[in-house]
N, C-alpha and C. Protein backbone atom coordinates (compact mmCIF):
# COMPACT_ATOMS: atom_id res chain seq x y z
N MET A 1 0.85 -1.18 0.00
CA MET A 1 0.00 0.00 0.00
C MET A 1 0.89 1.24 0.00
N SER A 2 0.57 2.18 -0.86
CA SER A 2 1.39 3.39 -0.95
C SER A 2 1.07 4.33 0.20
N MET A 3 1.96 5.29 0.40
CA MET A 3 1.74 6.30 1.44
C MET A 3 0.45 7.06 1.17
N THR A 4 0.17 7.36 -0.10
CA THR A 4 -1.05 8.08 -0.45
C THR A 4 -2.27 7.26 -0.08
N ASP A 5 -2.26 5.96 -0.39
CA ASP A 5 -3.39 5.10 -0.05
C ASP A 5 -3.56 4.99 1.45
N ASP A 6 -2.47 4.85 2.18
CA ASP A 6 -2.53 4.76 3.63
C ASP A 6 -3.12 6.04 4.21
N TYR A 7 -2.65 7.18 3.75
CA TYR A 7 -3.17 8.45 4.25
C TYR A 7 -4.63 8.61 3.87
N HIS A 8 -4.99 8.20 2.67
CA HIS A 8 -6.38 8.25 2.21
C HIS A 8 -7.28 7.44 3.14
N ASN A 9 -6.84 6.24 3.51
CA ASN A 9 -7.63 5.40 4.41
C ASN A 9 -7.75 6.02 5.80
N ARG A 10 -6.68 6.65 6.28
CA ARG A 10 -6.76 7.33 7.57
C ARG A 10 -7.70 8.53 7.50
N MET A 11 -7.71 9.21 6.36
CA MET A 11 -8.61 10.35 6.17
C MET A 11 -10.06 9.87 6.20
N LYS A 12 -10.34 8.76 5.51
CA LYS A 12 -11.69 8.20 5.52
C LYS A 12 -12.12 7.82 6.94
N ALA A 13 -11.21 7.22 7.70
CA ALA A 13 -11.52 6.84 9.08
C ALA A 13 -11.79 8.07 9.93
N ALA A 14 -11.00 9.12 9.75
CA ALA A 14 -11.20 10.36 10.51
C ALA A 14 -12.55 10.99 10.16
N LEU A 15 -12.92 10.93 8.90
CA LEU A 15 -14.24 11.45 8.51
C LEU A 15 -15.35 10.65 9.17
N ARG A 16 -15.22 9.31 9.17
CA ARG A 16 -16.23 8.46 9.82
C ARG A 16 -16.37 8.80 11.29
N GLU A 17 -15.24 9.03 11.97
CA GLU A 17 -15.27 9.38 13.39
C GLU A 17 -16.03 10.68 13.62
N ARG A 18 -16.03 11.56 12.64
CA ARG A 18 -16.71 12.84 12.75
C ARG A 18 -18.11 12.78 12.14
N GLY A 19 -18.57 11.58 11.80
CA GLY A 19 -19.92 11.41 11.24
C GLY A 19 -20.04 11.84 9.79
N SER A 20 -18.96 11.78 9.06
CA SER A 20 -18.97 12.21 7.67
C SER A 20 -18.36 11.13 6.79
N SER A 21 -18.32 11.41 5.50
CA SER A 21 -17.74 10.47 4.53
C SER A 21 -17.51 11.21 3.22
N PHE A 22 -16.76 10.58 2.33
CA PHE A 22 -16.57 11.15 1.00
C PHE A 22 -17.92 11.24 0.28
N SER A 23 -18.78 10.26 0.49
CA SER A 23 -20.10 10.28 -0.15
C SER A 23 -20.93 11.46 0.34
N LYS A 24 -20.89 11.73 1.62
CA LYS A 24 -21.65 12.86 2.18
C LYS A 24 -21.14 14.18 1.62
N ILE A 25 -19.83 14.32 1.55
CA ILE A 25 -19.23 15.54 0.99
C ILE A 25 -19.64 15.68 -0.47
N ALA A 26 -19.60 14.58 -1.21
CA ALA A 26 -19.99 14.61 -2.63
C ALA A 26 -21.43 15.08 -2.79
N ARG A 27 -22.34 14.55 -1.97
CA ARG A 27 -23.75 14.95 -2.05
C ARG A 27 -23.89 16.44 -1.76
N GLU A 28 -23.21 16.93 -0.74
CA GLU A 28 -23.30 18.35 -0.38
C GLU A 28 -22.82 19.25 -1.51
N LEU A 29 -21.79 18.80 -2.23
CA LEU A 29 -21.21 19.62 -3.30
C LEU A 29 -21.84 19.37 -4.67
N GLY A 30 -22.66 18.33 -4.76
CA GLY A 30 -23.27 18.01 -6.05
C GLY A 30 -22.29 17.42 -7.05
N VAL A 31 -21.34 16.65 -6.53
CA VAL A 31 -20.35 15.99 -7.39
C VAL A 31 -20.37 14.49 -7.09
N GLY A 32 -19.71 13.73 -7.91
CA GLY A 32 -19.62 12.29 -7.67
C GLY A 32 -18.62 11.97 -6.56
N ARG A 33 -18.84 10.84 -5.90
CA ARG A 33 -17.92 10.43 -4.84
C ARG A 33 -16.50 10.27 -5.37
N SER A 34 -16.39 9.81 -6.61
CA SER A 34 -15.05 9.64 -7.18
C SER A 34 -14.31 10.97 -7.30
N ALA A 35 -15.04 12.06 -7.54
CA ALA A 35 -14.39 13.38 -7.60
C ALA A 35 -13.78 13.74 -6.26
N VAL A 36 -14.48 13.40 -5.18
CA VAL A 36 -13.96 13.67 -3.83
C VAL A 36 -12.75 12.77 -3.56
N THR A 37 -12.85 11.51 -3.94
CA THR A 37 -11.72 10.59 -3.76
C THR A 37 -10.50 11.06 -4.53
N HIS A 38 -10.69 11.48 -5.77
CA HIS A 38 -9.56 11.95 -6.58
C HIS A 38 -8.94 13.21 -5.98
N ALA A 39 -9.77 14.10 -5.47
CA ALA A 39 -9.23 15.31 -4.82
C ALA A 39 -8.46 14.94 -3.56
N ALA A 40 -9.00 13.99 -2.80
CA ALA A 40 -8.34 13.58 -1.55
C ALA A 40 -6.97 12.95 -1.84
N LYS A 41 -6.87 12.22 -2.94
CA LYS A 41 -5.61 11.56 -3.30
C LYS A 41 -4.72 12.45 -4.16
N ARG A 42 -5.21 13.66 -4.44
CA ARG A 42 -4.48 14.63 -5.25
C ARG A 42 -4.32 14.19 -6.70
N ARG A 43 -5.21 13.35 -7.18
CA ARG A 43 -5.19 12.98 -8.60
C ARG A 43 -5.79 14.09 -9.45
N HIS A 44 -6.70 14.84 -8.84
CA HIS A 44 -7.32 15.99 -9.49
C HIS A 44 -7.46 17.05 -8.42
N VAL A 45 -6.94 18.22 -8.67
CA VAL A 45 -6.94 19.28 -7.67
C VAL A 45 -8.21 20.12 -7.79
N SER A 46 -8.95 20.21 -6.69
CA SER A 46 -10.15 21.03 -6.64
C SER A 46 -10.18 21.72 -5.28
N LYS A 47 -9.95 23.01 -5.28
CA LYS A 47 -9.96 23.77 -4.02
C LYS A 47 -11.31 23.65 -3.33
N ARG A 48 -12.39 23.63 -4.11
CA ARG A 48 -13.73 23.54 -3.52
C ARG A 48 -13.90 22.23 -2.76
N ILE A 49 -13.48 21.14 -3.37
CA ILE A 49 -13.61 19.84 -2.71
C ILE A 49 -12.63 19.74 -1.54
N GLU A 50 -11.40 20.19 -1.74
CA GLU A 50 -10.41 20.15 -0.66
C GLU A 50 -10.89 20.98 0.54
N THR A 51 -11.49 22.13 0.27
CA THR A 51 -12.00 22.98 1.35
C THR A 51 -13.10 22.25 2.12
N ALA A 52 -13.97 21.55 1.40
CA ALA A 52 -15.05 20.81 2.06
C ALA A 52 -14.49 19.66 2.90
N ILE A 53 -13.53 18.93 2.36
CA ILE A 53 -12.91 17.84 3.13
C ILE A 53 -12.28 18.41 4.40
N ALA A 54 -11.54 19.49 4.25
CA ALA A 54 -10.88 20.11 5.40
C ALA A 54 -11.90 20.55 6.44
N ALA A 55 -13.00 21.15 5.99
CA ALA A 55 -14.03 21.60 6.93
C ALA A 55 -14.63 20.42 7.69
N HIS A 56 -14.87 19.31 7.00
CA HIS A 56 -15.43 18.13 7.66
C HIS A 56 -14.45 17.51 8.64
N LEU A 57 -13.15 17.71 8.40
CA LEU A 57 -12.13 17.19 9.31
C LEU A 57 -11.74 18.20 10.39
N GLY A 58 -12.23 19.43 10.26
CA GLY A 58 -11.88 20.46 11.23
C GLY A 58 -10.42 20.88 11.14
N LYS A 59 -9.86 20.84 9.91
CA LYS A 59 -8.45 21.18 9.71
C LYS A 59 -8.31 22.15 8.56
N ASP A 60 -7.11 22.68 8.41
CA ASP A 60 -6.75 23.55 7.31
C ASP A 60 -6.28 22.69 6.13
N ILE A 61 -6.53 23.15 4.91
CA ILE A 61 -6.12 22.39 3.72
C ILE A 61 -4.64 22.04 3.75
N ASP A 62 -3.80 23.03 4.03
CA ASP A 62 -2.35 22.79 4.04
C ASP A 62 -1.95 21.78 5.11
N GLU A 63 -2.65 21.80 6.22
CA GLU A 63 -2.37 20.85 7.30
C GLU A 63 -2.66 19.42 6.84
N ILE A 64 -3.74 19.24 6.13
CA ILE A 64 -4.14 17.90 5.70
C ILE A 64 -3.15 17.31 4.69
N TRP A 65 -2.96 18.01 3.59
CA TRP A 65 -2.12 17.43 2.55
C TRP A 65 -0.64 17.62 2.82
N GLY A 66 -0.29 18.52 3.68
CA GLY A 66 1.09 18.65 4.11
C GLY A 66 1.53 17.45 4.92
N GLU A 67 0.60 16.93 5.75
CA GLU A 67 0.88 15.74 6.56
C GLU A 67 1.14 14.53 5.67
N ALA A 68 0.41 14.44 4.58
CA ALA A 68 0.52 13.26 3.71
C ALA A 68 1.74 13.32 2.82
N GLY A 69 2.28 14.52 2.66
CA GLY A 69 3.41 14.67 1.75
C GLY A 69 3.03 14.45 0.31
N VAL A 70 1.76 14.70 0.00
CA VAL A 70 1.25 14.49 -1.35
C VAL A 70 1.27 15.82 -2.09
N PRO A 71 2.13 15.96 -3.08
CA PRO A 71 2.22 17.24 -3.80
C PRO A 71 1.05 17.47 -4.74
N LEU A 72 0.78 18.72 -5.02
CA LEU A 72 -0.20 19.06 -6.04
C LEU A 72 0.30 18.59 -7.39
N GLN A 73 -0.61 18.12 -8.21
CA GLN A 73 -0.23 17.73 -9.57
C GLN A 73 -0.48 18.93 -10.47
N GLU A 74 0.55 19.41 -11.10
CA GLU A 74 0.47 20.60 -11.94
C GLU A 74 -0.48 20.39 -13.12
N GLY A 75 -1.22 21.45 -13.44
CA GLY A 75 -2.02 21.47 -14.65
C GLY A 75 -3.35 20.76 -14.60
N ARG A 76 -3.72 20.22 -13.46
CA ARG A 76 -5.00 19.51 -13.36
C ARG A 76 -5.79 20.11 -12.22
N GLN A 77 -6.28 21.31 -12.43
CA GLN A 77 -6.99 22.02 -11.37
C GLN A 77 -8.39 22.38 -11.81
N SER A 78 -9.28 22.53 -10.83
CA SER A 78 -10.63 23.03 -11.11
C SER A 78 -11.08 23.90 -9.98
């Protein structure tokens, strides 16, 4: 399992502990769950989705992805 996958699983667990999920965030934003998953894994950068994930975790965006050491992928932003 890669570091990104491990961090992704810990993020999902933290969301569950707070009564949330990627599916719940997707519904709130009107996007597919896969869009939230891709943003969480940094496969597709979306400030709107990242902001929602951070809010559900009670953290700052930089704090979340800085911990994972997952860099932004250039040129794939929305």
